[in-house]
Amino acid sequence: MVLVVTTNPFIEPAKDFAAMSGLLLIDRTGLIDWASRGKHLYDVLGIDPQAHRPAW
């Protein structure tokens, strides 16, 4: 799992590339939700935690 973090919004081509490449994106709004509002990272990213468990 690769997570790309920025304090700016992602433009559509970046979102498209991330979707094709299996990258997870988190922007300023997501960071605020995660760090300040206590929202779980899986919820911020909109992913299923069971689907992204490490194989080790």
PDB file of N, CA and C in Angstrom:
ATOM      1  N   MET A   1       0.852  -1.166   0.000  1.00  0.00           N
ATOM      2  CA  MET A   1       0.000   0.000   0.000  1.00  0.00           C
ATOM      3  C   MET A   1       0.900   1.232   0.000  1.00  0.00           C
ATOM      4  N   VAL A   2       0.641   2.135  -0.920  1.00  0.00           N
ATOM      5  CA  VAL A   2       1.378   3.398  -1.010  1.00  0.00           C
ATOM      6  C   VAL A   2       0.393   4.535  -0.769  1.00  0.00           C
ATOM      7  N   LEU A   3       0.742   5.405   0.145  1.00  0.00           N
ATOM      8  CA  LEU A   3      -0.095   6.545   0.491  1.00  0.00           C
ATOM      9  C   LEU A   3       0.623   7.821   0.081  1.00  0.00           C
ATOM     10  N   VAL A   4      -0.028   8.645  -0.734  1.00  0.00           N
ATOM     11  CA  VAL A   4       0.526   9.930  -1.158  1.00  0.00           C
ATOM     12  C   VAL A   4      -0.218  11.019  -0.394  1.00  0.00           C
ATOM     13  N   VAL A   5       0.542  11.875   0.289  1.00  0.00           N
ATOM     14  CA  VAL A   5      -0.041  12.899   1.153  1.00  0.00           C
ATOM     15  C   VAL A   5       0.356  14.282   0.652  1.00  0.00           C
ATOM     16  N   THR A   6      -0.609  15.199   0.649  1.00  0.00           N
ATOM     17  CA  THR A   6      -0.340  16.589   0.297  1.00  0.00           C
ATOM     18  C   THR A   6      -1.253  17.491   1.120  1.00  0.00           C
ATOM     19  N   THR A   7      -0.859  18.737   1.236  1.00  0.00           N
ATOM     20  CA  THR A   7      -1.719  19.709   1.917  1.00  0.00           C
ATOM     21  C   THR A   7      -2.556  20.491   0.913  1.00  0.00           C
ATOM     22  N   ASN A   8      -2.480  20.109  -0.352  1.00  0.00           N
ATOM     23  CA  ASN A   8      -3.275  20.720  -1.418  1.00  0.00           C
ATOM     24  C   ASN A   8      -4.246  19.693  -1.973  1.00  0.00           C
ATOM     25  N   PRO A   9      -5.243  20.132  -2.716  1.00  0.00           N
ATOM     26  CA  PRO A   9      -6.140  19.162  -3.358  1.00  0.00           C
ATOM     27  C   PRO A   9      -5.422  18.468  -4.519  1.00  0.00           C
ATOM     28  N   PHE A  10      -5.838  17.260  -4.819  1.00  0.00           N
ATOM     29  CA  PHE A  10      -5.316  16.536  -5.969  1.00  0.00           C
ATOM     30  C   PHE A  10      -6.121  16.917  -7.205  1.00  0.00           C
ATOM     31  N   ILE A  11      -5.447  17.113  -8.323  1.00  0.00           N
ATOM     32  CA  ILE A  11      -6.143  17.403  -9.579  1.00  0.00           C
ATOM     33  C   ILE A  11      -6.631  16.083 -10.180  1.00  0.00           C
ATOM     34  N   GLU A  12      -7.596  16.172 -11.074  1.00  0.00           N
ATOM     35  CA  GLU A  12      -8.214  14.963 -11.644  1.00  0.00           C
ATOM     36  C   GLU A  12      -7.208  14.012 -12.298  1.00  0.00           C
ATOM     37  N   PRO A  13      -6.235  14.517 -13.085  1.00  0.00           N
ATOM     38  CA  PRO A  13      -5.277  13.574 -13.660  1.00  0.00           C
ATOM     39  C   PRO A  13      -4.489  12.791 -12.593  1.00  0.00           C
ATOM     40  N   ALA A  14      -4.191  13.435 -11.479  1.00  0.00           N
ATOM     41  CA  ALA A  14      -3.490  12.745 -10.392  1.00  0.00           C
ATOM     42  C   ALA A  14      -4.386  11.676  -9.772  1.00  0.00           C
ATOM     43  N   LYS A  15      -5.660  11.997  -9.600  1.00  0.00           N
ATOM     44  CA  LYS A  15      -6.604  11.015  -9.058  1.00  0.00           C
ATOM     45  C   LYS A  15      -6.753   9.828 -10.007  1.00  0.00           C
ATOM     46  N   ASP A  16      -6.817  10.115 -11.305  1.00  0.00           N
ATOM     47  CA  ASP A  16      -6.925   9.044 -12.302  1.00  0.00           C
ATOM     48  C   ASP A  16      -5.692   8.149 -12.279  1.00  0.00           C
ATOM     49  N   PHE A  17      -4.516   8.776 -12.230  1.00  0.00           N
ATOM     50  CA  PHE A  17      -3.275   8.012 -12.190  1.00  0.00           C
ATOM     51  C   PHE A  17      -3.209   7.146 -10.936  1.00  0.00           C
ATOM     52  N   ALA A  18      -3.599   7.712  -9.808  1.00  0.00           N
ATOM     53  CA  ALA A  18      -3.579   6.974  -8.550  1.00  0.00           C
ATOM     54  C   ALA A  18      -4.513   5.766  -8.624  1.00  0.00           C
ATOM     55  N   ALA A  19      -5.679   5.953  -9.192  1.00  0.00           N
ATOM     56  CA  ALA A  19      -6.640   4.857  -9.304  1.00  0.00           C
ATOM     57  C   ALA A  19      -6.080   3.736 -10.183  1.00  0.00           C
ATOM     58  N   MET A  20      -5.420   4.098 -11.275  1.00  0.00           N
ATOM     59  CA  MET A  20      -4.852   3.088 -12.173  1.00  0.00           C
ATOM     60  C   MET A  20      -3.637   2.398 -11.559  1.00  0.00           C
ATOM     61  N   SER A  21      -2.940   3.094 -10.668  1.00  0.00           N
ATOM     62  CA  SER A  21      -1.688   2.581 -10.110  1.00  0.00           C
ATOM     63  C   SER A  21      -1.841   1.955  -8.729  1.00  0.00           C
ATOM     64  N   GLY A  22      -3.035   2.031  -8.167  1.00  0.00           N
ATOM     65  CA  GLY A  22      -3.245   1.464  -6.839  1.00  0.00           C
ATOM     66  C   GLY A  22      -2.698   2.317  -5.707  1.00  0.00           C
ATOM     67  N   LEU A  23      -2.554   3.613  -5.947  1.00  0.00           N
ATOM     68  CA  LEU A  23      -2.084   4.526  -4.915  1.00  0.00           C
ATOM     69  C   LEU A  23      -3.263   5.057  -4.106  1.00  0.00           C
ATOM     70  N   LEU A  24      -3.029   5.321  -2.845  1.00  0.00           N
ATOM     71  CA  LEU A  24      -4.036   5.939  -1.983  1.00  0.00           C
ATOM     72  C   LEU A  24      -3.652   7.397  -1.793  1.00  0.00           C
ATOM     73  N   LEU A  25      -4.639   8.279  -1.862  1.00  0.00           N
ATOM     74  CA  LEU A  25      -4.385   9.718  -1.766  1.00  0.00           C
ATOM     75  C   LEU A  25      -5.054  10.303  -0.535  1.00  0.00           C
ATOM     76  N   ILE A  26      -4.345  11.207   0.120  1.00  0.00           N
ATOM     77  CA  ILE A  26      -4.948  11.957   1.230  1.00  0.00           C
ATOM     78  C   ILE A  26      -4.516  13.410   1.083  1.00  0.00           C
ATOM     79  N   ASP A  27      -5.494  14.303   1.118  1.00  0.00           N
ATOM     80  CA  ASP A  27      -5.220  15.724   0.961  1.00  0.00           C
ATOM     81  C   ASP A  27      -5.449  16.458   2.287  1.00  0.00           C
ATOM     82  N   ARG A  28      -5.406  17.765   2.229  1.00  0.00           N
ATOM     83  CA  ARG A  28      -5.532  18.585   3.442  1.00  0.00           C
ATOM     84  C   ARG A  28      -6.811  18.268   4.225  1.00  0.00           C
ATOM     85  N   THR A  29      -7.924  18.165   3.516  1.00  0.00           N
ATOM     86  CA  THR A  29      -9.190  17.873   4.191  1.00  0.00           C
ATOM     87  C   THR A  29      -9.130  16.524   4.893  1.00  0.00           C
ATOM     88  N   GLY A  30      -8.586  15.535   4.218  1.00  0.00           N
ATOM     89  CA  GLY A  30      -8.433  14.216   4.822  1.00  0.00           C
ATOM     90  C   GLY A  30      -7.506  14.233   6.019  1.00  0.00           C
ATOM     91  N   LEU A  31      -6.424  14.992   5.915  1.00  0.00           N
ATOM     92  CA  LEU A  31      -5.500  15.108   7.048  1.00  0.00           C
ATOM     93  C   LEU A  31      -6.180  15.732   8.260  1.00  0.00           C
ATOM     94  N   ILE A  32      -6.982  16.754   8.011  1.00  0.00           N
ATOM     95  CA  ILE A  32      -7.694  17.404   9.113  1.00  0.00           C
ATOM     96  C   ILE A  32      -8.692  16.435   9.743  1.00  0.00           C
ATOM     97  N   ASP A  33      -9.434  15.714   8.903  1.00  0.00           N
ATOM     98  CA  ASP A  33     -10.389  14.735   9.429  1.00  0.00           C
ATOM     99  C   ASP A  33      -9.683  13.683  10.278  1.00  0.00           C
ATOM    100  N   TRP A  34      -8.545  13.233   9.808  1.00  0.00           N
ATOM    101  CA  TRP A  34      -7.798  12.177  10.487  1.00  0.00           C
ATOM    102  C   TRP A  34      -7.143  12.685  11.769  1.00  0.00           C
ATOM    103  N   ALA A  35      -6.408  13.794  11.665  1.00  0.00           N
ATOM    104  CA  ALA A  35      -5.607  14.263  12.791  1.00  0.00           C
ATOM    105  C   ALA A  35      -6.399  15.073  13.822  1.00  0.00           C
ATOM    106  N   SER A  36      -7.346  15.873  13.374  1.00  0.00           N
ATOM    107  CA  SER A  36      -8.033  16.769  14.301  1.00  0.00           C
ATOM    108  C   SER A  36      -9.411  16.286  14.710  1.00  0.00           C
ATOM    109  N   ARG A  37     -10.070  15.579  13.822  1.00  0.00           N
ATOM    110  CA  ARG A  37     -11.442  15.175  14.109  1.00  0.00           C
ATOM    111  C   ARG A  37     -11.549  13.724  14.567  1.00  0.00           C
ATOM    112  N   GLY A  38     -10.410  13.019  14.593  1.00  0.00           N
ATOM    113  CA  GLY A  38     -10.398  11.656  15.105  1.00  0.00           C
ATOM    114  C   GLY A  38     -10.990  10.620  14.176  1.00  0.00           C
ATOM    115  N   LYS A  39     -11.157  10.962  12.913  1.00  0.00           N
ATOM    116  CA  LYS A  39     -11.699  10.007  11.953  1.00  0.00           C
ATOM    117  C   LYS A  39     -10.623   8.967  11.638  1.00  0.00           C
ATOM    118  N   HIS A  40     -11.000   7.696  11.584  1.00  0.00           N
ATOM    119  CA  HIS A  40     -10.033   6.637  11.307  1.00  0.00           C
ATOM    120  C   HIS A  40      -9.484   6.786   9.891  1.00  0.00           C
ATOM    121  N   LEU A  41      -8.214   6.478   9.718  1.00  0.00           N
ATOM    122  CA  LEU A  41      -7.572   6.632   8.414  1.00  0.00           C
ATOM    123  C   LEU A  41      -8.274   5.815   7.338  1.00  0.00           C
ATOM    124  N   TYR A  42      -8.721   4.622   7.661  1.00  0.00           N
ATOM    125  CA  TYR A  42      -9.448   3.821   6.674  1.00  0.00           C
ATOM    126  C   TYR A  42     -10.704   4.546   6.201  1.00  0.00           C
ATOM    127  N   ASP A  43     -11.373   5.215   7.113  1.00  0.00           N
ATOM    128  CA  ASP A  43     -12.577   5.963   6.738  1.00  0.00           C
ATOM    129  C   ASP A  43     -12.241   7.182   5.890  1.00  0.00           C
ATOM    130  N   VAL A  44     -11.158   7.867   6.237  1.00  0.00           N
ATOM    131  CA  VAL A  44     -10.724   9.030   5.464  1.00  0.00           C
ATOM    132  C   VAL A  44     -10.402   8.610   4.029  1.00  0.00           C
ATOM    133  N   LEU A  45      -9.741   7.460   3.898  1.00  0.00           N
ATOM    134  CA  LEU A  45      -9.345   6.979   2.576  1.00  0.00           C
ATOM    135  C   LEU A  45     -10.466   6.260   1.851  1.00  0.00           C
ATOM    136  N   GLY A  46     -11.523   5.910   2.571  1.00  0.00           N
ATOM    137  CA  GLY A  46     -12.647   5.206   1.962  1.00  0.00           C
ATOM    138  C   GLY A  46     -12.300   3.791   1.536  1.00  0.00           C
ATOM    139  N   ILE A  47     -11.502   3.112   2.358  1.00  0.00           N
ATOM    140  CA  ILE A  47     -11.097   1.742   2.023  1.00  0.00           C
ATOM    141  C   ILE A  47     -11.541   0.764   3.098  1.00  0.00           C
ATOM    142  N   ASP A  48     -11.594  -0.492   2.720  1.00  0.00           N
ATOM    143  CA  ASP A  48     -11.932  -1.577   3.640  1.00  0.00           C
ATOM    144  C   ASP A  48     -10.647  -2.034   4.325  1.00  0.00           C
ATOM    145  N   PRO A  49     -10.567  -1.946   5.652  1.00  0.00           N
ATOM    146  CA  PRO A  49      -9.332  -2.335   6.341  1.00  0.00           C
ATOM    147  C   PRO A  49      -8.958  -3.794   6.117  1.00  0.00           C
ATOM    148  N   GLN A  50      -9.925  -4.656   5.956  1.00  0.00           N
ATOM    149  CA  GLN A  50      -9.632  -6.074   5.737  1.00  0.00           C
ATOM    150  C   GLN A  50      -8.980  -6.308   4.368  1.00  0.00           C
ATOM    151  N   ALA A  51      -9.295  -5.490   3.411  1.00  0.00           N
ATOM    152  CA  ALA A  51      -8.760  -5.652   2.063  1.00  0.00           C
ATOM    153  C   ALA A  51      -7.326  -5.143   1.953  1.00  0.00           C
ATOM    154  N   HIS A  52      -6.877  -4.365   2.911  1.00  0.00           N
ATOM    155  CA  HIS A  52      -5.544  -3.760   2.837  1.00  0.00           C
ATOM    156  C   HIS A  52      -4.647  -4.216   3.988  1.00  0.00           C
ATOM    157  N   ARG A  53      -4.835  -5.416   4.462  1.00  0.00           N
ATOM    158  CA  ARG A  53      -3.977  -5.949   5.519  1.00  0.00           C
ATOM    159  C   ARG A  53      -2.669  -6.426   4.927  1.00  0.00           C
ATOM    160  N   PRO A  54      -1.557  -6.182   5.620  1.00  0.00           N
ATOM    161  CA  PRO A  54      -0.287  -6.706   5.129  1.00  0.00           C
ATOM    162  C   PRO A  54      -0.287  -8.238   5.139  1.00  0.00           C
ATOM    163  N   ALA A  55       0.398  -8.815   4.199  1.00  0.00           N
ATOM    164  CA  ALA A  55       0.438 -10.271   4.069  1.00  0.00           C
ATOM    165  C   ALA A  55       1.401 -10.905   5.064  1.00  0.00           C
ATOM    166  N   TRP A  56       2.221 -10.144   5.704  1.00  0.00           N
ATOM    167  CA  TRP A  56       3.216 -10.691   6.629  1.00  0.00           C
ATOM    168  C   TRP A  56       2.565 -10.934   7.913  1.00  0.00           C
TER     169      TRP A  56
END
